[in-house]
Amino acid sequence: MNMIDLAAARSFYGATLGVLDLVESVDPFGRIDYASEGHSEFGFYGPPRDFYEHAHVAFIAKDRAAVDRFYHAALTHGGTSLDAPRERPEFGYYSAYVRDPDGNAVEVGVSL
């Protein structure tokens, strides 16, 4: 099982999800959560709980500029590019794909 570097994961998700207006909090059980307007969008546990190896998560951005900011924040904070921001007319959206510091795929997009 792939164990996470909690500090790297929090730095990566705090920066990248922050550009999507998601705010980090930690619940009493140690779950790191990212929410907007009181609605949880994404969360994970650090060690000793399992972090599902090579997950693929997707988020909806407000606009193309947010997709671009997410992509650049990801690369600045330990992520690697899987596919740069671009139109994907076959799917009807503009999106970017990165891999987080633990190797999980993260997608952010907005409808065309």
Protein backbone atom coordinates (compact mmCIF):
# COMPACT_ATOMS: atom_id res chain seq x y z
CA MET A 1 0.00 0.00 0.00
CA ASN A 2 1.23 3.47 -0.89
CA MET A 3 1.69 5.60 2.26
CA ILE A 4 1.44 9.34 1.80
CA ASP A 5 3.75 12.15 2.77
CA LEU A 6 1.13 14.07 4.74
CA ALA A 7 2.97 17.41 4.60
CA ALA A 8 3.40 17.16 0.81
CA ALA A 9 -0.23 16.10 0.32
CA ARG A 10 -1.53 19.01 2.43
CA SER A 11 0.74 21.49 0.62
CA PHE A 12 -0.38 20.19 -2.78
CA TYR A 13 -4.13 20.05 -2.06
CA GLY A 14 -4.15 23.26 0.00
CA ALA A 15 -2.61 25.18 -2.90
CA THR A 16 -4.42 23.53 -5.81
CA LEU A 17 -7.87 23.29 -4.25
CA GLY A 18 -7.49 26.76 -2.78
CA VAL A 19 -7.66 28.19 -6.32
CA LEU A 20 -11.03 26.41 -6.60
CA ASP A 21 -12.18 28.19 -3.40
CA LEU A 22 -12.11 24.99 -1.32
CA VAL A 23 -11.01 25.50 2.29
CA GLU A 24 -9.06 22.92 4.30
CA SER A 25 -10.12 21.68 7.71
CA VAL A 26 -9.25 18.66 9.86
CA ASP A 27 -11.98 16.68 11.64
CA PRO A 28 -11.59 15.07 15.09
CA PHE A 29 -10.59 11.77 13.45
CA GLY A 30 -7.71 13.28 11.46
CA ARG A 31 -9.48 13.45 8.08
CA ILE A 32 -8.20 16.37 6.03
CA ASP A 33 -11.22 17.84 4.26
CA TYR A 34 -11.67 20.48 1.55
CA ALA A 35 -15.03 22.22 1.39
CA SER A 36 -16.86 25.15 -0.14
CA GLU A 37 -19.78 26.88 1.54
CA GLY A 38 -19.99 24.08 4.12
CA HIS A 39 -20.13 21.27 1.55
CA SER A 40 -17.29 18.76 1.56
CA GLU A 41 -15.84 18.12 -1.88
CA PHE A 42 -12.77 16.00 -1.11
CA GLY A 43 -10.93 14.53 1.83
CA PHE A 44 -8.36 11.96 2.87
CA TYR A 45 -6.74 10.41 5.92
CA GLY A 46 -3.03 10.46 6.55
CA PRO A 47 -1.12 7.58 8.07
CA PRO A 48 -1.84 5.20 9.66
CA ARG A 49 -5.05 4.96 7.61
CA ASP A 50 -4.87 3.85 3.99
CA PHE A 51 -4.82 6.42 1.21
CA TYR A 52 -6.17 4.61 -1.84
CA GLU A 53 -3.31 4.10 -4.19
CA HIS A 54 -3.52 5.89 -7.51
CA ALA A 55 -7.01 7.26 -7.15
CA HIS A 56 -8.50 9.49 -9.84
CA VAL A 57 -10.47 12.44 -8.55
CA ALA A 58 -12.12 15.23 -10.53
CA PHE A 59 -13.26 18.71 -9.60
CA ILE A 60 -15.39 21.28 -11.40
CA ALA A 61 -13.87 24.72 -11.86
CA LYS A 62 -15.71 28.04 -12.14
CA ASP A 63 -14.03 28.95 -15.43
CA ARG A 64 -11.05 28.26 -17.70
CA ALA A 65 -8.84 30.62 -15.74
CA ALA A 66 -9.38 28.50 -12.61
CA VAL A 67 -8.39 25.36 -14.57
CA ASP A 68 -5.21 27.11 -15.68
CA ARG A 69 -4.44 28.36 -12.13
CA PHE A 70 -5.04 24.86 -10.73
CA TYR A 71 -2.64 23.35 -13.27
CA HIS A 72 0.14 25.86 -12.51
CA ALA A 73 -0.38 25.54 -8.73
CA ALA A 74 -0.17 21.75 -9.05
CA LEU A 75 3.14 21.87 -10.92
CA THR A 76 4.54 24.40 -8.43
CA HIS A 77 3.59 22.27 -5.42
CA GLY A 78 4.95 18.86 -6.33
CA GLY A 79 2.50 17.66 -8.97
CA THR A 80 3.43 16.46 -12.44
CA SER A 81 1.58 17.02 -15.68
CA LEU A 82 -0.50 14.26 -17.22
CA ASP A 83 -2.10 16.63 -19.76
CA ALA A 84 -1.99 20.44 -19.91
CA PRO A 85 -5.16 22.54 -19.96
CA ARG A 86 -6.98 22.30 -23.28
CA GLU A 87 -10.39 21.91 -24.86
CA ARG A 88 -11.71 18.37 -25.01
CA PRO A 89 -14.68 18.73 -27.40
CA GLU A 90 -15.24 14.97 -27.40
CA PHE A 91 -16.21 15.31 -23.71
CA GLY A 92 -17.63 18.84 -23.83
CA TYR A 93 -15.20 20.48 -21.44
CA TYR A 94 -11.91 22.30 -20.95
CA SER A 95 -9.68 20.50 -18.48
CA ALA A 96 -6.23 19.67 -17.14
CA TYR A 97 -4.83 16.48 -15.62
CA VAL A 98 -2.02 16.21 -13.08
CA ARG A 99 -0.57 13.59 -10.81
CA ASP A 100 -0.33 14.59 -7.14
CA PRO A 101 2.86 13.94 -5.10
CA ASP A 102 1.59 10.42 -4.24
CA GLY A 103 0.88 9.46 -7.86
CA ASN A 104 -2.90 9.92 -7.87
CA ALA A 105 -4.54 11.46 -10.94
CA VAL A 106 -6.36 14.76 -10.38
CA GLU A 107 -8.56 16.31 -13.06
CA VAL A 108 -10.10 19.79 -13.09
CA GLY A 109 -12.48 20.96 -15.78
CA VAL A 110 -15.23 23.32 -16.84
CA SER A 111 -17.97 22.82 -19.43
CA LEU A 112 -17.39 24.33 -22.88
